[in-house]
Protein backbone atom coordinates (compact mmCIF):
# COMPACT_ATOMS: atom_id res chain seq x y z
CA MET A 1 0.06 -0.04 -0.11
CA GLU A 2 2.85 2.40 0.78
CA LYS A 3 4.34 2.05 -2.82
CA ILE A 4 0.77 2.68 -4.31
CA PHE A 5 0.46 5.74 -2.04
CA ASP A 6 3.74 7.01 -3.03
CA ALA A 7 3.11 6.51 -6.88
CA ILE A 8 -0.16 8.45 -6.66
CA LYS A 9 1.24 11.31 -4.70
CA ALA A 10 4.17 11.60 -6.98
CA ARG A 11 1.87 11.49 -10.01
CA MET A 12 -0.16 14.26 -8.40
CA LYS A 13 2.72 16.50 -7.95
CA ARG A 14 3.99 15.92 -11.58
CA ASN A 15 0.52 16.00 -13.27
CA THR A 16 -2.00 18.66 -12.72
CA LYS A 17 -4.51 17.92 -15.53
CA ASP A 18 -5.61 14.69 -13.95
CA LYS A 19 -5.54 15.87 -10.51
CA LYS A 20 -9.27 14.95 -9.81
CA LYS A 21 -8.70 11.37 -10.98
CA ASP A 22 -5.68 10.94 -8.86
CA GLU A 23 -7.56 12.37 -5.88
CA GLU A 24 -10.37 9.87 -6.37
CA GLU A 25 -7.85 7.01 -6.59
CA LEU A 26 -6.15 8.28 -3.51
CA ALA A 27 -9.52 8.29 -1.64
CA CYS A 28 -10.29 4.76 -2.76
CA MET A 29 -6.81 3.45 -1.65
CA GLU A 30 -7.19 5.19 1.81
CA LYS A 31 -10.58 3.37 2.06
CA ILE A 32 -9.04 0.14 1.16
CA GLN A 33 -6.11 0.58 3.62
CA THR A 34 -8.69 1.20 6.55
CA MET A 35 -10.73 -1.74 5.46
CA LEU A 36 -7.48 -4.06 5.47
CA ASN A 37 -6.37 -2.77 8.80
CA GLU A 38 -9.67 -3.66 10.14
CA GLY A 39 -9.42 -7.28 8.72
CA VAL A 40 -12.19 -6.68 6.17
CA PHE A 41 -11.78 -8.05 2.67
CA VAL A 42 -11.87 -5.60 -0.15
CA LYS A 43 -14.65 -7.76 -1.97
CA ASP A 44 -16.96 -6.91 1.05
CA GLY A 45 -16.89 -3.26 0.58
CA VAL A 46 -19.33 -1.09 -1.19
CA TRP A 47 -17.77 0.28 -4.29
CA THR A 48 -18.77 2.85 -7.04
CA GLY A 49 -18.03 2.04 -10.72
CA LYS A 50 -14.95 4.36 -10.57
CA ASP A 51 -13.79 2.52 -7.42
CA ILE A 52 -14.10 -0.86 -9.09
CA GLU A 53 -11.89 0.11 -12.06
CA VAL A 54 -9.05 1.33 -9.61
CA ILE A 55 -9.48 -1.88 -7.54
CA ASN A 56 -9.34 -4.00 -10.78
CA ASP A 57 -6.11 -2.33 -11.73
CA LYS A 58 -4.42 -3.07 -8.43
CA HIS A 59 -5.28 -6.83 -8.39
CA PHE A 60 -5.95 -7.03 -4.61
CA LEU A 61 -6.17 -10.75 -3.41
CA THR A 62 -8.91 -9.81 -1.06
CA ALA A 63 -10.80 -8.66 -3.94
CA LYS A 64 -11.17 -12.03 -5.37
CA PRO A 65 -14.01 -14.46 -4.59
CA VAL A 66 -13.18 -17.08 -1.73
CA VAL A 67 -13.53 -20.79 -2.46
CA PHE A 68 -12.96 -23.21 0.42
CA LEU A 69 -12.04 -26.81 -0.54
CA VAL A 70 -12.44 -29.73 2.06
CA ASN A 71 -10.97 -33.20 1.52
CA ILE A 72 -13.39 -35.70 3.28
CA GLY A 73 -11.92 -38.81 1.73
CA GLY A 74 -10.86 -41.78 3.77
CA VAL A 75 -7.39 -43.36 4.01
């Protein structure tokens, strides 16, 4: 997350024309960091269309569906 925050902040300093998009992305990442610190999966959050685009670009593991496999076979 620190690398993501650093990259967004550096991009915001260099590029002023997409500042609104960068601010939205930063807000989304802050929300994700709060959720992860609380132990909540990204997939369980309430997201807007723009947030989903940002999340899909970052490939968070906790944004993926969860599948539990159980082996009940005998020896």
